[in-house]
PDB file of N, CA and C in Angstrom:
ATOM      1  N   UNK A   1      10.146   5.225  -1.664  1.00  0.00           N
ATOM      2  CA  UNK A   1       9.937   3.809  -1.891  1.00  0.00           C
ATOM      3  C   UNK A   1       8.575   3.421  -1.300  1.00  0.00           C
ATOM      4  N   UNK A   2       7.807   2.681  -2.036  1.00  0.00           N
ATOM      5  CA  UNK A   2       6.494   2.282  -1.518  1.00  0.00           C
ATOM      6  C   UNK A   2       6.400   0.769  -1.419  1.00  0.00           C
ATOM      7  N   UNK A   3       5.652   0.334  -0.433  1.00  0.00           N
ATOM      8  CA  UNK A   3       5.449  -1.085  -0.189  1.00  0.00           C
ATOM      9  C   UNK A   3       3.985  -1.394  -0.482  1.00  0.00           C
ATOM     10  N   UNK A   4       3.738  -2.483  -1.169  1.00  0.00           N
ATOM     11  CA  UNK A   4       2.366  -2.865  -1.489  1.00  0.00           C
ATOM     12  C   UNK A   4       1.877  -3.927  -0.524  1.00  0.00           C
ATOM     13  N   UNK A   5       0.675  -3.727  -0.031  1.00  0.00           N
ATOM     14  CA  UNK A   5       0.023  -4.693   0.838  1.00  0.00           C
ATOM     15  C   UNK A   5      -1.198  -5.228   0.110  1.00  0.00           C
ATOM     16  N   UNK A   6      -1.426  -6.526   0.212  1.00  0.00           N
ATOM     17  CA  UNK A   6      -2.531  -7.180  -0.477  1.00  0.00           C
ATOM     18  C   UNK A   6      -3.532  -7.695   0.546  1.00  0.00           C
ATOM     19  N   UNK A   7      -4.802  -7.457   0.281  1.00  0.00           N
ATOM     20  CA  UNK A   7      -5.865  -7.865   1.198  1.00  0.00           C
ATOM     21  C   UNK A   7      -7.022  -8.476   0.425  1.00  0.00           C
ATOM     22  N   UNK A   8      -7.764  -9.330   1.099  1.00  0.00           N
ATOM     23  CA  UNK A   8      -9.066  -9.766   0.625  1.00  0.00           C
ATOM     24  C   UNK A   8     -10.085  -9.151   1.572  1.00  0.00           C
ATOM     25  N   UNK A   9     -11.057  -8.446   1.003  1.00  0.00           N
ATOM     26  CA  UNK A   9     -12.095  -7.824   1.809  1.00  0.00           C
ATOM     27  C   UNK A   9     -13.415  -8.524   1.571  1.00  0.00           C
ATOM     28  N   UNK A  10     -14.127  -8.779   2.653  1.00  0.00           N
ATOM     29  CA  UNK A  10     -15.469  -9.345   2.573  1.00  0.00           C
ATOM     30  C   UNK A  10     -16.432  -8.202   2.840  1.00  0.00           C
ATOM     31  N   UNK A  11     -17.324  -7.940   1.880  1.00  0.00           N
ATOM     32  CA  UNK A  11     -18.252  -6.822   2.008  1.00  0.00           C
ATOM     33  C   UNK A  11     -19.689  -7.303   2.008  1.00  0.00           C
ATOM     34  N   UNK A  12     -20.486  -6.613   2.788  1.00  0.00           N
ATOM     35  CA  UNK A  12     -21.932  -6.799   2.786  1.00  0.00           C
ATOM     36  C   UNK A  12     -22.508  -5.438   2.453  1.00  0.00           C
ATOM     37  N   UNK A  13     -22.962  -5.281   1.196  1.00  0.00           N
ATOM     38  CA  UNK A  13     -23.355  -3.951   0.714  1.00  0.00           C
ATOM     39  C   UNK A  13     -22.109  -3.090   0.603  1.00  0.00           C
ATOM     40  N   UNK A  14     -22.112  -1.942   1.273  1.00  0.00           N
ATOM     41  CA  UNK A  14     -20.945  -1.062   1.273  1.00  0.00           C
ATOM     42  C   UNK A  14     -20.078  -1.259   2.508  1.00  0.00           C
ATOM     43  N   UNK A  15     -20.526  -2.061   3.452  1.00  0.00           N
ATOM     44  CA  UNK A  15     -19.819  -2.244   4.719  1.00  0.00           C
ATOM     45  C   UNK A  15     -18.776  -3.355   4.608  1.00  0.00           C
ATOM     46  N   UNK A  16     -17.547  -3.046   5.037  1.00  0.00           N
ATOM     47  CA  UNK A  16     -16.488  -4.061   5.075  1.00  0.00           C
ATOM     48  C   UNK A  16     -16.670  -4.865   6.351  1.00  0.00           C
ATOM     49  N   UNK A  17     -16.938  -6.154   6.191  1.00  0.00           N
ATOM     50  CA  UNK A  17     -17.179  -7.028   7.324  1.00  0.00           C
ATOM     51  C   UNK A  17     -15.867  -7.640   7.826  1.00  0.00           C
ATOM     52  N   UNK A  18     -14.986  -7.949   6.886  1.00  0.00           N
ATOM     53  CA  UNK A  18     -13.747  -8.647   7.236  1.00  0.00           C
ATOM     54  C   UNK A  18     -12.661  -8.260   6.245  1.00  0.00           C
ATOM     55  N   UNK A  19     -11.431  -8.088   6.737  1.00  0.00           N
ATOM     56  CA  UNK A  19     -10.295  -7.777   5.871  1.00  0.00           C
ATOM     57  C   UNK A  19      -9.131  -8.664   6.289  1.00  0.00           C
ATOM     58  N   UNK A  20      -8.651  -9.465   5.351  1.00  0.00           N
ATOM     59  CA  UNK A  20      -7.619 -10.459   5.652  1.00  0.00           C
ATOM     60  C   UNK A  20      -6.384 -10.186   4.786  1.00  0.00           C
ATOM     61  N   UNK A  21      -5.199 -10.097   5.396  1.00  0.00           N
ATOM     62  CA  UNK A  21      -3.992  -9.943   4.578  1.00  0.00           C
ATOM     63  C   UNK A  21      -3.730 -11.201   3.757  1.00  0.00           C
ATOM     64  N   UNK A  22      -3.197 -11.007   2.558  1.00  0.00           N
ATOM     65  CA  UNK A  22      -2.893 -12.134   1.671  1.00  0.00           C
ATOM     66  C   UNK A  22      -1.632 -11.807   0.881  1.00  0.00           C
ATOM     67  N   UNK A  23      -1.220 -12.703   0.027  1.00  0.00           N
ATOM     68  CA  UNK A  23      -0.089 -12.465  -0.864  1.00  0.00           C
ATOM     69  C   UNK A  23      -0.488 -12.919  -2.261  1.00  0.00           C
ATOM     70  N   UNK A  24       0.294 -12.515  -3.238  1.00  0.00           N
ATOM     71  CA  UNK A  24      -0.023 -12.909  -4.612  1.00  0.00           C
ATOM     72  C   UNK A  24       0.067 -14.424  -4.791  1.00  0.00           C
ATOM     73  N   UNK A  25       0.917 -15.067  -4.008  1.00  0.00           N
ATOM     74  CA  UNK A  25       1.092 -16.513  -4.133  1.00  0.00           C
ATOM     75  C   UNK A  25      -0.090 -17.294  -3.567  1.00  0.00           C
ATOM     76  N   UNK A  26      -0.753 -16.764  -2.539  1.00  0.00           N
ATOM     77  CA  UNK A  26      -1.811 -17.528  -1.868  1.00  0.00           C
ATOM     78  C   UNK A  26      -3.200 -16.925  -2.019  1.00  0.00           C
ATOM     79  N   UNK A  27      -3.353 -15.942  -2.897  1.00  0.00           N
ATOM     80  CA  UNK A  27      -4.642 -15.244  -2.994  1.00  0.00           C
ATOM     81  C   UNK A  27      -5.777 -16.186  -3.410  1.00  0.00           C
ATOM     82  N   UNK A  28      -5.523 -17.135  -4.272  1.00  0.00           N
ATOM     83  CA  UNK A  28      -6.581 -18.048  -4.724  1.00  0.00           C
ATOM     84  C   UNK A  28      -7.072 -18.956  -3.597  1.00  0.00           C
ATOM     85  N   UNK A  29      -6.137 -19.520  -2.831  1.00  0.00           N
ATOM     86  CA  UNK A  29      -6.540 -20.380  -1.707  1.00  0.00           C
ATOM     87  C   UNK A  29      -7.254 -19.568  -0.633  1.00  0.00           C
ATOM     88  N   UNK A  30      -6.755 -18.361  -0.347  1.00  0.00           N
ATOM     89  CA  UNK A  30      -7.386 -17.515   0.670  1.00  0.00           C
ATOM     90  C   UNK A  30      -8.792 -17.106   0.237  1.00  0.00           C
ATOM     91  N   UNK A  31      -8.967 -16.814  -1.056  1.00  0.00           N
ATOM     92  CA  UNK A  31     -10.293 -16.432  -1.565  1.00  0.00           C
ATOM     93  C   UNK A  31     -11.270 -17.605  -1.443  1.00  0.00           C
ATOM     94  N   UNK A  32     -10.821 -18.808  -1.776  1.00  0.00           N
ATOM     95  CA  UNK A  32     -11.688 -19.991  -1.658  1.00  0.00           C
ATOM     96  C   UNK A  32     -12.149 -20.192  -0.222  1.00  0.00           C
ATOM     97  N   UNK A  33     -11.213 -20.025   0.749  1.00  0.00           N
ATOM     98  CA  UNK A  33     -11.564 -20.165   2.167  1.00  0.00           C
ATOM     99  C   UNK A  33     -12.600 -19.132   2.577  1.00  0.00           C
ATOM    100  N   UNK A  34     -12.378 -17.877   2.161  1.00  0.00           N
ATOM    101  CA  UNK A  34     -13.312 -16.810   2.543  1.00  0.00           C
ATOM    102  C   UNK A  34     -14.686 -17.032   1.913  1.00  0.00           C
ATOM    103  N   UNK A  35     -14.715 -17.456   0.648  1.00  0.00           N
ATOM    104  CA  UNK A  35     -15.995 -17.696  -0.017  1.00  0.00           C
ATOM    105  C   UNK A  35     -16.746 -18.856   0.628  1.00  0.00           C
ATOM    106  N   UNK A  36     -16.008 -19.850   1.103  1.00  0.00           N
ATOM    107  CA  UNK A  36     -16.615 -21.005   1.763  1.00  0.00           C
ATOM    108  C   UNK A  36     -17.250 -20.600   3.096  1.00  0.00           C
ATOM    109  N   UNK A  37     -16.563 -19.739   3.846  1.00  0.00           N
ATOM    110  CA  UNK A  37     -17.037 -19.340   5.168  1.00  0.00           C
ATOM    111  C   UNK A  37     -18.044 -18.184   5.151  1.00  0.00           C
ATOM    112  N   UNK A  38     -18.023 -17.382   4.087  1.00  0.00           N
ATOM    113  CA  UNK A  38     -18.879 -16.191   4.037  1.00  0.00           C
ATOM    114  C   UNK A  38     -20.312 -16.550   3.659  1.00  0.00           C
ATOM    115  N   UNK A  39     -21.274 -15.792   4.173  1.00  0.00           N
ATOM    116  CA  UNK A  39     -22.660 -15.969   3.717  1.00  0.00           C
ATOM    117  C   UNK A  39     -22.762 -15.658   2.217  1.00  0.00           C
ATOM    118  N   UNK A  40     -23.776 -16.211   1.574  1.00  0.00           N
ATOM    119  CA  UNK A  40     -23.904 -16.089   0.112  1.00  0.00           C
ATOM    120  C   UNK A  40     -24.118 -14.653  -0.360  1.00  0.00           C
ATOM    121  N   UNK A  41     -24.694 -13.783   0.485  1.00  0.00           N
ATOM    122  CA  UNK A  41     -24.947 -12.406   0.053  1.00  0.00           C
ATOM    123  C   UNK A  41     -23.755 -11.472   0.289  1.00  0.00           C
ATOM    124  N   UNK A  42     -22.637 -12.002   0.782  1.00  0.00           N
ATOM    125  CA  UNK A  42     -21.418 -11.210   0.944  1.00  0.00           C
ATOM    126  C   UNK A  42     -20.544 -11.390  -0.290  1.00  0.00           C
ATOM    127  N   UNK A  43     -19.766 -10.350  -0.624  1.00  0.00           N
ATOM    128  CA  UNK A  43     -18.880 -10.412  -1.787  1.00  0.00           C
ATOM    129  C   UNK A  43     -17.441 -10.270  -1.323  1.00  0.00           C
ATOM    130  N   UNK A  44     -16.527 -10.913  -2.070  1.00  0.00           N
ATOM    131  CA  UNK A  44     -15.109 -10.900  -1.746  1.00  0.00           C
ATOM    132  C   UNK A  44     -14.376 -10.073  -2.803  1.00  0.00           C
ATOM    133  N   UNK A  45     -13.523  -9.136  -2.355  1.00  0.00           N
ATOM    134  CA  UNK A  45     -12.770  -8.277  -3.259  1.00  0.00           C
ATOM    135  C   UNK A  45     -11.280  -8.366  -2.947  1.00  0.00           C
ATOM    136  N   UNK A  46     -10.459  -8.301  -4.007  1.00  0.00           N
ATOM    137  CA  UNK A  46      -9.004  -8.251  -3.861  1.00  0.00           C
ATOM    138  C   UNK A  46      -8.602  -6.780  -3.836  1.00  0.00           C
ATOM    139  N   UNK A  47      -7.833  -6.374  -2.819  1.00  0.00           N
ATOM    140  CA  UNK A  47      -7.473  -4.968  -2.631  1.00  0.00           C
ATOM    141  C   UNK A  47      -5.957  -4.848  -2.527  1.00  0.00           C
ATOM    142  N   UNK A  48      -5.412  -3.856  -3.227  1.00  0.00           N
ATOM    143  CA  UNK A  48      -3.990  -3.545  -3.128  1.00  0.00           C
ATOM    144  C   UNK A  48      -3.875  -2.149  -2.539  1.00  0.00           C
ATOM    145  N   UNK A  49      -3.113  -2.032  -1.465  1.00  0.00           N
ATOM    146  CA  UNK A  49      -2.852  -0.699  -0.918  1.00  0.00           C
ATOM    147  C   UNK A  49      -1.357  -0.528  -0.814  1.00  0.00           C
ATOM    148  N   UNK A  50      -0.898   0.674  -1.074  1.00  0.00           N
ATOM    149  CA  UNK A  50       0.543   0.921  -0.983  1.00  0.00           C
ATOM    150  C   UNK A  50       0.792   1.967   0.091  1.00  0.00           C
ATOM    151  N   UNK A  51       1.873   1.759   0.802  1.00  0.00           N
ATOM    152  CA  UNK A  51       2.286   2.715   1.827  1.00  0.00           C
ATOM    153  C   UNK A  51       3.681   3.183   1.488  1.00  0.00           C
ATOM    154  N   UNK A  52       3.923   4.439   1.721  1.00  0.00           N
ATOM    155  CA  UNK A  52       5.270   4.974   1.460  1.00  0.00           C
ATOM    156  C   UNK A  52       6.121   4.780   2.689  1.00  0.00           C
ATOM    157  N   UNK A  53       7.269   4.187   2.483  1.00  0.00           N
ATOM    158  CA  UNK A  53       8.215   3.986   3.574  1.00  0.00           C
ATOM    159  C   UNK A  53       9.184   5.168   3.610  1.00  0.00           C
ATOM    160  N   UNK A  54       9.418   5.654   4.802  1.00  0.00           N
ATOM    161  CA  UNK A  54      10.370   6.744   4.946  1.00  0.00           C
ATOM    162  C   UNK A  54      11.771   6.163   5.131  1.00  0.00           C
ATOM    163  N   UNK A  55      12.721   6.715   4.409  1.00  0.00           N
ATOM    164  CA  UNK A  55      14.100   6.268   4.522  1.00  0.00           C
ATOM    165  C   UNK A  55      14.807   7.195   5.509  1.00  0.00           C
ATOM    166  N   UNK A  56      15.360   6.609   6.534  1.00  0.00           N
ATOM    167  CA  UNK A  56      16.059   7.388   7.555  1.00  0.00           C
ATOM    168  C   UNK A  56      17.550   7.275   7.289  1.00  0.00           C
ATOM    169  N   UNK A  57      18.191   8.437   7.176  1.00  0.00           N
ATOM    170  CA  UNK A  57      19.635   8.465   6.919  1.00  0.00           C
ATOM    171  C   UNK A  57      20.413   8.357   8.200  1.00  0.00           C
TER     172      UNK A  57
END
């Protein structure tokens, strides 16, 4: 079973400056906040990462 985690990453070139957890319900509001606070030469990306959960019997 895998769990998906959602993040917004703020990048300057190839360097990740900031990574903020988000959800599908609030991604638009979170992106607006990050774009407002970030310098103009930084870019914001939506990232999905999945982790496998181990089931313990």
